[in-house]
Amino acid sequence: MAKTSPIEFFRQVRQEVAKVTWPSRKETTITTSMVFVMVAVASVFFLAVDAVLGWGITAVLGLGS
């Protein structure tokens, strides 16, 4: 395998970066908003699961009053 010089490497990197389709500001904003919403939904889900499991374990082990 032939070695690539650093100058050639950076030239190839620039060519590849030029091929990338970058998202628009609107697409980035929408995607970021969707991530925050999904994080909030997942947080509420795991909070509910934790509460139910905690209640169930407490009931089974008789740790309550």
N, C-alpha and C. Protein backbone atom coordinates (compact mmCIF):
# COMPACT_ATOMS: atom_id res chain seq x y z
N MET A 1 0.85 -1.19 0.00
CA MET A 1 0.00 0.00 0.00
C MET A 1 0.89 1.24 0.00
N ALA A 2 0.61 2.15 -0.92
CA ALA A 2 1.42 3.36 -1.05
C ALA A 2 1.11 4.34 0.07
N LYS A 3 2.15 5.00 0.56
CA LYS A 3 1.95 6.00 1.60
C LYS A 3 1.48 7.30 0.97
N THR A 4 0.63 8.01 1.72
CA THR A 4 0.10 9.30 1.26
C THR A 4 0.78 10.40 2.04
N SER A 5 1.25 11.40 1.32
CA SER A 5 1.90 12.52 2.00
C SER A 5 0.85 13.34 2.74
N PRO A 6 1.25 14.07 3.77
CA PRO A 6 0.29 14.90 4.51
C PRO A 6 -0.44 15.91 3.62
N ILE A 7 0.26 16.47 2.67
CA ILE A 7 -0.36 17.45 1.77
C ILE A 7 -1.45 16.78 0.93
N GLU A 8 -1.14 15.59 0.40
CA GLU A 8 -2.12 14.84 -0.39
C GLU A 8 -3.31 14.43 0.48
N PHE A 9 -3.03 14.03 1.71
CA PHE A 9 -4.10 13.64 2.63
C PHE A 9 -5.08 14.79 2.84
N PHE A 10 -4.56 15.98 3.13
CA PHE A 10 -5.44 17.13 3.37
C PHE A 10 -6.18 17.55 2.11
N ARG A 11 -5.57 17.36 0.95
CA ARG A 11 -6.26 17.65 -0.31
C ARG A 11 -7.45 16.70 -0.48
N GLN A 12 -7.23 15.43 -0.16
CA GLN A 12 -8.31 14.45 -0.25
C GLN A 12 -9.42 14.74 0.76
N VAL A 13 -9.03 15.17 1.95
CA VAL A 13 -10.02 15.52 2.97
C VAL A 13 -10.88 16.67 2.48
N ARG A 14 -10.26 17.69 1.91
CA ARG A 14 -11.02 18.84 1.40
C ARG A 14 -11.99 18.41 0.30
N GLN A 15 -11.57 17.49 -0.56
CA GLN A 15 -12.45 17.00 -1.62
C GLN A 15 -13.65 16.26 -1.03
N GLU A 16 -13.41 15.45 -0.01
CA GLU A 16 -14.50 14.70 0.62
C GLU A 16 -15.46 15.63 1.35
N VAL A 17 -14.92 16.63 2.04
CA VAL A 17 -15.77 17.59 2.77
C VAL A 17 -16.66 18.36 1.79
N ALA A 18 -16.14 18.64 0.61
CA ALA A 18 -16.92 19.36 -0.40
C ALA A 18 -18.11 18.52 -0.88
N LYS A 19 -18.04 17.20 -0.75
CA LYS A 19 -19.13 16.31 -1.18
C LYS A 19 -20.25 16.20 -0.15
N VAL A 20 -19.98 16.64 1.07
CA VAL A 20 -20.95 16.49 2.16
C VAL A 20 -22.14 17.42 1.93
N THR A 21 -23.34 16.91 2.14
CA THR A 21 -24.53 17.74 2.09
C THR A 21 -24.83 18.20 3.51
N TRP A 22 -24.58 19.45 3.79
CA TRP A 22 -24.74 19.98 5.14
C TRP A 22 -26.19 20.37 5.36
N PRO A 23 -26.74 20.14 6.57
CA PRO A 23 -28.13 20.50 6.83
C PRO A 23 -28.30 22.02 6.92
N SER A 24 -29.51 22.46 6.60
CA SER A 24 -29.80 23.89 6.70
C SER A 24 -30.02 24.26 8.17
N ARG A 25 -30.09 25.54 8.43
CA ARG A 25 -30.34 25.99 9.80
C ARG A 25 -31.70 25.49 10.30
N LYS A 26 -32.70 25.50 9.40
CA LYS A 26 -34.04 25.03 9.77
C LYS A 26 -34.01 23.54 10.12
N GLU A 27 -33.34 22.73 9.30
CA GLU A 27 -33.24 21.30 9.58
C GLU A 27 -32.53 21.04 10.91
N THR A 28 -31.47 21.78 11.18
CA THR A 28 -30.73 21.62 12.43
C THR A 28 -31.59 21.99 13.62
N THR A 29 -32.36 23.08 13.50
CA THR A 29 -33.24 23.52 14.59
C THR A 29 -34.32 22.47 14.86
N ILE A 30 -34.93 21.96 13.81
CA ILE A 30 -35.99 20.96 13.97
C ILE A 30 -35.44 19.69 14.60
N THR A 31 -34.30 19.24 14.11
CA THR A 31 -33.70 18.01 14.64
C THR A 31 -33.31 18.18 16.10
N THR A 32 -32.74 19.33 16.45
CA THR A 32 -32.37 19.60 17.84
C THR A 32 -33.60 19.61 18.73
N SER A 33 -34.67 20.24 18.26
CA SER A 33 -35.93 20.27 19.03
C SER A 33 -36.47 18.86 19.24
N MET A 34 -36.40 18.04 18.20
CA MET A 34 -36.88 16.66 18.31
C MET A 34 -36.06 15.88 19.34
N VAL A 35 -34.76 16.12 19.37
CA VAL A 35 -33.91 15.44 20.35
C VAL A 35 -34.32 15.84 21.76
N PHE A 36 -34.53 17.14 22.00
CA PHE A 36 -34.93 17.59 23.34
C PHE A 36 -36.28 17.00 23.75
N VAL A 37 -37.22 16.94 22.81
CA VAL A 37 -38.54 16.36 23.11
C VAL A 37 -38.40 14.88 23.46
N MET A 38 -37.62 14.15 22.68
CA MET A 38 -37.44 12.72 22.94
C MET A 38 -36.73 12.47 24.27
N VAL A 39 -35.78 13.33 24.62
CA VAL A 39 -35.11 13.21 25.93
C VAL A 39 -36.11 13.43 27.05
N ALA A 40 -36.99 14.43 26.90
CA ALA A 40 -38.01 14.69 27.92
C ALA A 40 -38.97 13.51 28.04
N VAL A 41 -39.41 12.96 26.90
CA VAL A 41 -40.33 11.81 26.92
C VAL A 41 -39.66 10.61 27.57
N ALA A 42 -38.41 10.34 27.21
CA ALA A 42 -37.69 9.20 27.80
C ALA A 42 -37.50 9.41 29.30
N SER A 43 -37.23 10.65 29.72
CA SER A 43 -37.04 10.94 31.14
C SER A 43 -38.32 10.67 31.94
N VAL A 44 -39.45 11.11 31.42
CA VAL A 44 -40.73 10.88 32.09
C VAL A 44 -41.04 9.39 32.13
N PHE A 45 -40.77 8.68 31.03
CA PHE A 45 -41.01 7.24 30.99
C PHE A 45 -40.19 6.51 32.05
N PHE A 46 -38.90 6.81 32.11
CA PHE A 46 -38.06 6.11 33.08
C PHE A 46 -38.37 6.53 34.52
N LEU A 47 -38.81 7.76 34.73
CA LEU A 47 -39.26 8.19 36.05
C LEU A 47 -40.47 7.36 36.47
N ALA A 48 -41.42 7.18 35.56
CA ALA A 48 -42.62 6.39 35.85
C ALA A 48 -42.28 4.92 36.10
N VAL A 49 -41.42 4.34 35.28
CA VAL A 49 -41.02 2.94 35.47
C VAL A 49 -40.31 2.78 36.81
N ASP A 50 -39.42 3.70 37.15
CA ASP A 50 -38.71 3.64 38.42
C ASP A 50 -39.67 3.73 39.60
N ALA A 51 -40.66 4.62 39.50
CA ALA A 51 -41.63 4.77 40.58
C ALA A 51 -42.47 3.50 40.75
N VAL A 52 -42.92 2.92 39.64
CA VAL A 52 -43.73 1.71 39.70
C VAL A 52 -42.91 0.54 40.26
N LEU A 53 -41.69 0.37 39.76
CA LEU A 53 -40.85 -0.72 40.27
C LEU A 53 -40.51 -0.51 41.75
N GLY A 54 -40.24 0.72 42.13
CA GLY A 54 -39.96 1.01 43.54
C GLY A 54 -41.15 0.69 44.42
N TRP A 55 -42.33 1.09 43.97
CA TRP A 55 -43.55 0.78 44.72
C TRP A 55 -43.76 -0.73 44.81
N GLY A 56 -43.56 -1.45 43.69
CA GLY A 56 -43.75 -2.89 43.66
C GLY A 56 -42.78 -3.62 44.58
N ILE A 57 -41.53 -3.24 44.55
CA ILE A 57 -40.53 -3.89 45.41
C ILE A 57 -40.83 -3.61 46.87
N THR A 58 -41.22 -2.38 47.17
CA THR A 58 -41.57 -2.04 48.55
C THR A 58 -42.76 -2.88 49.02
N ALA A 59 -43.75 -3.06 48.15
CA ALA A 59 -44.93 -3.84 48.51
C ALA A 59 -44.57 -5.31 48.70
N VAL A 60 -43.74 -5.87 47.82
CA VAL A 60 -43.38 -7.29 47.91
C VAL A 60 -42.53 -7.57 49.15
N LEU A 61 -41.59 -6.70 49.43
CA LEU A 61 -40.69 -6.93 50.57
C LEU A 61 -41.30 -6.47 51.90
N GLY A 62 -42.43 -5.81 51.84
CA GLY A 62 -43.07 -5.35 53.06
C GLY A 62 -42.29 -4.30 53.80
N LEU A 63 -41.63 -3.42 53.04
CA LEU A 63 -40.81 -2.39 53.67
C LEU A 63 -41.64 -1.19 54.12
N GLY A 64 -42.87 -1.13 53.69
CA GLY A 64 -43.75 -0.01 54.09
C GLY A 64 -44.25 -0.20 55.50
N SER A 65 -45.17 0.61 55.89
CA SER A 65 -45.70 0.54 57.27
C SER A 65 -46.51 -0.65 57.48
